[in-house]
Amino acid sequence: MSDTKKQPFRHDRPKVVITDYDYGNVDIERAILEAVGAEVIALQAKSEADLFEAAKDCAAMMNQYARIGGETIRRMEKCEVIARYGVGVDIVDVKTATDRGILVTNVLDYCTEEVADHAITLWLTLARKIADYDRATHQGIWKWQSGAPVYRLRGRTMGVVSFGKIGQAIALRAKAFGVNVIAFDPFLPEAVAKKHGVELISKAELLARSDYILMQAPMTPETRHFLSDPEFAAMKPGAILVNTGRGPTVDNAALYRALTDGHLAAAGLDDPEEEPAKRANWDPADNPIFTLPSVLVTPHAAYYSEESIEAARVTAATQVAKVLTKQTPDYPVNGKDLALTT
């Protein structure tokens, strides 16, 4: 399952704290980490305060949804590594971890196919009015007009926001339907976009030209509310939005206004702005988006398949095992910054 070196049992076993998980068990992680002499402590933290006691003597901490912030990290006296189960590290205070000499790792490339498939599925479902037709037929209405208007996909324009591996996989799938794909990604070399036959353009131009916008942006201070009232006003009337990136990159209140005033046709969100899995208590009544039949919402499931979940768990645990056995992890987030401080 991993290429880490098996260690003999020690009485001073390093403690690995799993902050939270919704996989049903931590058997995969425990098998990998106990093989290198570690002890696994699994919690279900819903607030940062839930981690304070465990942080003091842990050698490593792994998190799925729970935030590992500065208050937790400053309590760590023995921690060597903080490992995220996914790609994004916005719920880890990477700067404080770096300042305290703690490595942060993540998991890359484990769900590219799943997220791209999910994004395309949401797009096609909305564009072809599948949910509208389904509701109508279940009510005894057998008319093709119950989904009208439906427009031909071929020849229309899809704008992809963030053109990394997932964005590229989305473009590959979308082109099979005959759409023209454009992209916005300020960090991407133009040569990479050209290689995929995609035009790299400005944010303003993407908003103005796209019939469909598929968001795959990471969560950073700069991308919070990347789409809000001004952006929705700049989009084409009747445009469709799909967001399989971080929930807070889309201002849900502004999206609600754009949908209810008729400027946008529909939206598909893999996570609403409040990101329910990161809350101790959540009620869909708190977000008016859930009252709109033109909005499809999935529970941050775009990354999910049985294969991708196993890959994420194995990879995250293996990063910890490698660090604890003095090996180089595969996916260091702040490795270069740590090297500069030593």
Protein backbone atom coordinates (compact mmCIF):
# COMPACT_ATOMS: atom_id res chain seq x y z
CA MET A 1 0.00 0.00 0.00
CA SER A 2 2.94 2.36 0.55
CA ASP A 3 6.66 2.40 0.08
CA THR A 4 7.48 3.64 3.58
CA LYS A 5 9.92 1.68 5.72
CA LYS A 6 8.46 -0.52 8.44
CA GLN A 7 9.71 0.42 11.89
CA PRO A 8 10.01 -1.70 15.06
CA PHE A 9 7.54 -1.06 17.88
CA ARG A 10 8.52 1.74 20.23
CA HIS A 11 7.07 2.66 23.60
CA ASP A 12 7.36 6.38 22.71
CA ARG A 13 5.24 5.98 19.60
CA PRO A 14 4.66 9.23 17.67
CA LYS A 15 1.03 10.29 17.87
CA VAL A 16 -0.80 11.04 14.64
CA VAL A 17 -4.06 12.95 15.15
CA ILE A 18 -6.77 12.72 12.49
CA THR A 19 -8.88 15.81 13.15
CA ASP A 20 -12.04 14.59 11.40
CA TYR A 21 -13.21 12.16 8.75
CA ASP A 22 -16.42 10.95 7.12
CA TYR A 23 -15.06 7.73 5.64
CA GLY A 24 -16.67 5.49 8.25
CA ASN A 25 -13.35 4.36 9.75
CA VAL A 26 -9.62 5.07 9.65
CA ASP A 27 -8.48 1.53 8.95
CA ILE A 28 -6.48 2.50 5.87
CA GLU A 29 -4.62 5.25 7.70
CA ARG A 30 -4.05 3.12 10.77
CA ALA A 31 -2.53 0.28 8.71
CA ILE A 32 -0.03 2.60 7.02
CA LEU A 33 0.90 4.59 10.13
CA GLU A 34 1.09 1.76 12.64
CA ALA A 35 3.45 0.00 10.23
CA VAL A 36 5.97 2.80 10.89
CA GLY A 37 5.44 2.71 14.66
CA ALA A 38 2.90 5.50 15.02
CA GLU A 39 -0.21 5.67 17.17
CA VAL A 40 -3.37 6.95 15.47
CA ILE A 41 -5.88 9.11 17.36
CA ALA A 42 -9.09 9.80 15.40
CA LEU A 43 -11.30 12.75 16.37
CA GLN A 44 -14.39 14.39 14.93
CA ALA A 45 -13.48 18.03 15.56
CA LYS A 46 -16.06 20.66 14.62
CA SER A 47 -14.18 23.64 16.01
CA GLU A 48 -10.54 24.55 16.36
CA ALA A 49 -10.80 24.39 20.14
CA ASP A 50 -11.49 20.68 19.81
CA LEU A 51 -7.88 20.25 18.66
CA PHE A 52 -6.02 22.21 21.32
CA GLU A 53 -5.43 19.36 23.76
CA ALA A 54 -4.39 16.84 21.10
CA ALA A 55 -2.09 19.34 19.40
CA LYS A 56 0.35 19.63 22.27
CA ASP A 57 2.10 16.28 21.89
CA CYS A 58 1.14 15.14 18.39
CA ALA A 59 3.89 14.29 15.90
CA ALA A 60 1.52 14.79 12.97
CA MET A 61 -1.98 16.00 12.25
CA MET A 62 -4.21 15.09 9.31
CA ASN A 63 -7.40 16.97 8.40
CA GLN A 64 -10.34 16.57 6.08
CA TYR A 65 -12.71 19.48 6.86
CA ALA A 66 -11.56 20.79 10.26
CA ARG A 67 -9.47 23.94 10.20
CA ILE A 68 -5.98 23.74 11.65
CA GLY A 69 -5.32 27.38 12.42
CA GLY A 70 -2.64 29.37 14.15
CA GLU A 71 -4.06 28.81 17.63
CA THR A 72 -3.77 25.06 17.18
CA ILE A 73 -0.35 25.16 15.53
CA ARG A 74 1.16 27.38 18.22
CA ARG A 75 0.23 24.72 20.79
CA MET A 76 2.19 22.06 18.91
CA GLU A 77 5.42 21.08 20.67
CA LYS A 78 6.39 17.97 18.69
CA CYS A 79 4.58 18.20 15.37
CA GLU A 80 6.58 17.48 12.23
CA VAL A 81 3.88 17.47 9.56
CA ILE A 82 0.31 18.57 8.87
CA ALA A 83 -1.28 16.57 6.07
CA ARG A 84 -4.41 17.57 4.14
CA TYR A 85 -6.55 14.83 2.66
CA GLY A 86 -7.20 16.93 -0.46
CA VAL A 87 -5.64 19.51 -2.75
CA GLY A 88 -6.59 22.79 -1.09
CA VAL A 89 -4.78 23.97 2.03
CA ASP A 90 -6.93 27.02 2.76
CA ILE A 91 -8.02 25.38 6.03
CA VAL A 92 -4.43 25.11 7.25
CA ASP A 93 -2.50 28.14 8.48
CA VAL A 94 0.50 27.36 6.28
CA LYS A 95 2.38 30.50 7.28
CA THR A 96 2.27 29.74 10.99
CA ALA A 97 3.22 26.14 10.29
CA THR A 98 6.20 27.31 8.26
CA ASP A 99 7.24 29.79 10.96
CA ARG A 100 7.27 26.92 13.45
CA GLY A 101 9.18 24.59 11.15
CA ILE A 102 6.26 22.26 10.46
CA LEU A 103 5.89 20.74 7.00
CA VAL A 104 2.48 20.89 5.30
CA THR A 105 1.53 18.32 2.67
CA ASN A 106 -1.48 17.78 0.44
CA VAL A 107 -2.73 15.23 -2.08
CA LEU A 108 -2.56 15.99 -5.79
CA ASP A 109 -4.02 14.34 -8.88
CA TYR A 110 -6.26 11.89 -7.04
CA CYS A 111 -9.62 13.12 -8.34
CA THR A 112 -9.00 14.90 -11.65
CA GLU A 113 -11.22 12.55 -13.63
CA GLU A 114 -14.02 12.60 -11.06
CA VAL A 115 -14.22 16.40 -10.76
CA ALA A 116 -14.11 16.89 -14.53
CA ASP A 117 -16.86 14.30 -15.00
CA HIS A 118 -18.96 15.95 -12.27
CA ALA A 119 -18.56 19.43 -13.77
CA ILE A 120 -19.60 18.23 -17.20
CA THR A 121 -22.54 16.33 -15.71
CA LEU A 122 -23.84 19.44 -13.93
CA TRP A 123 -23.37 21.49 -17.12
CA LEU A 124 -25.24 19.03 -19.36
CA THR A 125 -28.01 18.52 -16.80
CA LEU A 126 -28.62 22.28 -16.65
CA ALA A 127 -28.15 23.00 -20.35
CA ARG A 128 -30.49 20.18 -21.41
CA LYS A 129 -33.01 21.02 -18.64
CA ILE A 130 -32.99 17.45 -17.34
CA ALA A 131 -34.24 18.43 -13.87
CA ASP A 132 -37.11 20.47 -15.38
CA TYR A 133 -38.20 17.59 -17.58
CA ASP A 134 -37.94 15.14 -14.70
CA ARG A 135 -40.09 17.27 -12.41
CA ALA A 136 -42.70 17.71 -15.14
CA THR A 137 -42.99 14.05 -16.09
CA HIS A 138 -43.28 13.04 -12.44
CA GLN A 139 -46.25 15.45 -12.26
CA GLY A 140 -47.88 13.83 -15.30
CA ILE A 141 -46.80 16.51 -17.80
CA TRP A 142 -45.57 14.89 -21.01
CA LYS A 143 -44.47 17.85 -23.15
CA TRP A 144 -41.14 18.72 -24.69
CA GLN A 145 -42.04 22.35 -24.01
CA SER A 146 -41.76 21.82 -20.24
CA GLY A 147 -38.01 22.43 -20.52
CA ALA A 148 -38.10 25.25 -23.05
CA PRO A 149 -35.99 27.07 -24.00
CA VAL A 150 -33.19 24.58 -24.66
CA TYR A 151 -30.34 25.66 -26.91
CA ARG A 152 -27.92 23.64 -29.03
CA LEU A 153 -24.54 23.17 -27.36
CA ARG A 154 -22.42 23.00 -30.50
CA GLY A 155 -20.96 26.36 -31.46
CA ARG A 156 -21.52 27.99 -28.09
CA THR A 157 -18.72 29.16 -25.76
CA MET A 158 -17.57 27.69 -22.46
CA GLY A 159 -15.29 29.70 -20.19
CA VAL A 160 -13.15 27.72 -17.75
CA VAL A 161 -11.81 29.59 -14.72
CA SER A 162 -8.50 28.06 -13.55
CA PHE A 163 -6.93 25.89 -16.21
CA GLY A 164 -4.88 23.39 -14.23
CA LYS A 165 -5.20 19.64 -14.65
CA ILE A 166 -8.89 19.60 -13.77
CA GLY A 167 -9.67 22.58 -15.99
CA GLN A 168 -7.82 20.87 -18.83
CA ALA A 169 -9.79 17.66 -18.26
CA ILE A 170 -13.03 19.66 -18.36
CA ALA A 171 -12.01 21.26 -21.65
CA LEU A 172 -11.18 17.90 -23.19
CA ARG A 173 -14.64 16.57 -22.35
CA ALA A 174 -16.48 19.74 -23.37
CA LYS A 175 -14.89 19.85 -26.80
CA ALA A 176 -16.51 16.52 -27.63
CA PHE A 177 -19.83 18.42 -27.59
CA GLY A 178 -18.60 21.00 -30.08
CA VAL A 179 -18.29 23.98 -27.76
CA ASN A 180 -15.56 26.58 -28.09
CA VAL A 181 -13.46 26.63 -24.91
CA ILE A 182 -11.77 29.74 -23.54
CA ALA A 183 -10.01 30.08 -20.20
CA PHE A 184 -8.87 32.53 -17.54
CA ASP A 185 -5.83 31.62 -15.47
CA PRO A 186 -3.33 34.37 -14.60
CA PHE A 187 -0.72 31.80 -13.53
CA LEU A 188 -0.81 29.60 -16.63
CA PRO A 189 1.75 29.97 -19.43
CA GLU A 190 -0.02 30.72 -22.70
CA ALA A 191 1.83 27.84 -24.34
CA VAL A 192 0.00 25.35 -22.08
CA ALA A 193 -3.39 26.71 -23.12
CA LYS A 194 -2.41 26.56 -26.79
CA LYS A 195 -1.32 22.95 -26.36
CA HIS A 196 -4.89 22.15 -25.35
CA GLY A 197 -6.39 24.27 -28.12
CA VAL A 198 -7.81 26.78 -25.68
CA GLU A 199 -7.68 30.56 -25.90
CA LEU A 200 -6.32 32.20 -22.74
CA ILE A 201 -8.06 35.51 -22.10
CA SER A 202 -8.78 38.11 -19.40
CA LYS A 203 -11.43 37.71 -16.73
CA ALA A 204 -13.52 40.51 -18.24
CA GLU A 205 -13.43 38.95 -21.70
CA LEU A 206 -14.33 35.51 -20.35
CA LEU A 207 -17.35 36.94 -18.54
CA ALA A 208 -18.52 38.78 -21.65
CA ARG A 209 -18.09 35.91 -24.11
CA SER A 210 -19.11 32.78 -22.20
CA ASP A 211 -22.48 31.07 -22.53
CA TYR A 212 -21.33 28.69 -19.80
CA ILE A 213 -18.78 29.39 -17.05
CA LEU A 214 -17.19 26.44 -15.26
CA MET A 215 -15.34 27.48 -12.13
CA GLN A 216 -12.49 25.40 -10.74
CA ALA A 217 -10.71 28.12 -8.76
CA PRO A 218 -8.86 27.38 -5.50
CA MET A 219 -9.73 29.30 -2.34
CA THR A 220 -7.36 32.19 -1.67
CA PRO A 221 -7.90 35.73 -0.35
CA GLU A 222 -7.86 36.88 -3.99
CA THR A 223 -10.48 34.39 -5.20
CA ARG A 224 -13.05 34.90 -2.44
CA HIS A 225 -16.21 36.15 -4.20
CA PHE A 226 -14.41 35.92 -7.54
CA LEU A 227 -17.94 36.08 -8.92
CA SER A 228 -20.22 38.67 -7.30
CA ASP A 229 -22.71 41.31 -8.44
CA PRO A 230 -20.40 43.13 -10.91
CA GLU A 231 -19.29 39.86 -12.51
CA PHE A 232 -22.81 38.48 -12.84
CA ALA A 233 -23.94 41.77 -14.42
CA ALA A 234 -21.08 41.45 -16.94
CA MET A 235 -22.09 37.92 -17.96
CA LYS A 236 -24.26 37.13 -20.96
CA PRO A 237 -28.00 37.04 -20.32
CA GLY A 238 -29.07 33.43 -19.97
CA ALA A 239 -25.60 32.18 -19.01
CA ILE A 240 -25.15 29.02 -16.95
CA LEU A 241 -22.66 28.79 -14.07
CA VAL A 242 -21.10 25.60 -12.72
CA ASN A 243 -18.75 25.73 -9.72
CA THR A 244 -16.84 22.60 -8.78
CA GLY A 245 -14.12 24.63 -7.07
CA ARG A 246 -14.35 26.13 -3.58
CA GLY A 247 -17.78 27.33 -2.48
CA PRO A 248 -16.76 30.82 -1.28
CA THR A 249 -15.36 31.76 -4.71
CA VAL A 250 -18.99 32.46 -5.66
CA ASP A 251 -20.98 35.07 -3.73
CA ASN A 252 -24.21 33.14 -3.16
CA ALA A 253 -26.28 36.20 -2.28
CA ALA A 254 -25.24 37.87 -5.54
CA LEU A 255 -25.89 34.64 -7.45
CA TYR A 256 -29.38 34.47 -5.96
CA ARG A 257 -30.05 38.00 -7.19
CA ALA A 258 -28.72 37.24 -10.69
CA LEU A 259 -30.92 34.14 -10.95
CA THR A 260 -34.11 35.65 -9.52
CA ASP A 261 -33.91 38.75 -11.72
CA GLY A 262 -33.58 36.45 -14.74
CA HIS A 263 -30.12 37.53 -15.87
CA LEU A 264 -28.62 34.08 -15.36
CA ALA A 265 -30.44 30.93 -16.44
CA ALA A 266 -29.15 28.38 -13.95
CA ALA A 267 -26.33 27.31 -11.68
CA GLY A 268 -24.75 24.08 -10.49
CA LEU A 269 -22.75 24.18 -7.27
CA ASP A 270 -20.75 21.36 -5.75
CA ASP A 271 -20.58 23.33 -2.51
CA PRO A 272 -22.48 26.43 -1.40
CA GLU A 273 -20.60 29.39 -0.04
CA GLU A 274 -21.00 28.36 3.61
CA GLU A 275 -19.38 24.95 2.99
CA PRO A 276 -21.68 22.94 5.33
CA ALA A 277 -19.17 20.16 6.07
CA LYS A 278 -16.98 22.72 7.84
CA ARG A 279 -19.79 23.82 10.18
CA ALA A 280 -20.93 22.33 13.44
CA ASN A 281 -24.54 23.18 12.55
CA TRP A 282 -26.03 23.85 9.14
CA ASP A 283 -29.52 24.40 7.77
CA PRO A 284 -30.25 24.93 4.05
CA ALA A 285 -32.84 27.48 5.11
CA ASP A 286 -29.90 29.78 5.90
CA ASN A 287 -29.11 30.10 2.18
CA PRO A 288 -31.90 31.17 -0.24
CA ILE A 289 -30.05 29.44 -3.10
CA PHE A 290 -31.69 26.21 -1.94
CA THR A 291 -35.16 27.59 -2.71
CA LEU A 292 -34.45 27.92 -6.45
CA PRO A 293 -35.33 25.08 -8.84
CA SER A 294 -32.79 26.50 -11.30
CA VAL A 295 -29.93 25.61 -8.94
CA LEU A 296 -28.44 22.15 -8.55
CA VAL A 297 -26.36 21.61 -5.41
CA THR A 298 -24.28 18.54 -4.63
CA PRO A 299 -22.65 17.95 -1.21
CA HIS A 300 -19.01 18.56 -2.18
CA ALA A 301 -19.13 15.24 -4.00
CA ALA A 302 -17.33 16.12 -7.23
CA TYR A 303 -14.11 14.50 -6.05
CA TYR A 304 -15.81 11.30 -4.98
CA SER A 305 -15.46 7.81 -6.35
CA GLU A 306 -14.52 4.73 -4.38
CA GLU A 307 -11.15 4.80 -6.11
CA SER A 308 -10.43 8.47 -5.47
CA ILE A 309 -11.34 8.26 -1.78
CA GLU A 310 -8.96 5.36 -1.28
CA ALA A 311 -6.22 7.16 -3.19
CA ALA A 312 -6.61 10.30 -1.05
CA ARG A 313 -6.46 8.35 2.20
CA VAL A 314 -3.50 6.23 1.19
CA THR A 315 -1.58 9.21 -0.15
CA ALA A 316 -2.23 11.51 2.83
CA ALA A 317 -1.23 8.84 5.32
CA THR A 318 1.83 7.95 3.28
CA GLN A 319 3.01 11.59 3.39
CA VAL A 320 2.91 11.44 7.19
CA ALA A 321 4.62 8.06 7.31
CA LYS A 322 7.43 9.30 5.08
CA VAL A 323 8.04 12.38 7.21
CA LEU A 324 8.05 10.36 10.42
CA THR A 325 10.61 7.96 8.93
CA LYS A 326 12.83 10.82 7.66
CA GLN A 327 11.94 10.31 4.01
CA THR A 328 10.99 13.03 1.53
CA PRO A 329 7.22 13.34 1.06
CA ASP A 330 5.74 13.41 -2.42
CA TYR A 331 3.60 16.54 -2.04
CA PRO A 332 5.19 19.17 0.22
CA VAL A 333 3.28 22.47 0.18
CA ASN A 334 5.77 24.63 2.05
CA GLY A 335 8.96 22.63 1.54
CA LYS A 336 10.78 25.41 -0.30
CA ASP A 337 9.85 27.99 2.32
CA LEU A 338 11.02 25.71 5.10
CA ALA A 339 14.32 25.16 3.31
CA LEU A 340 14.86 28.92 3.21
CA THR A 341 14.42 29.20 6.99
CA THR A 342 16.88 26.45 7.87
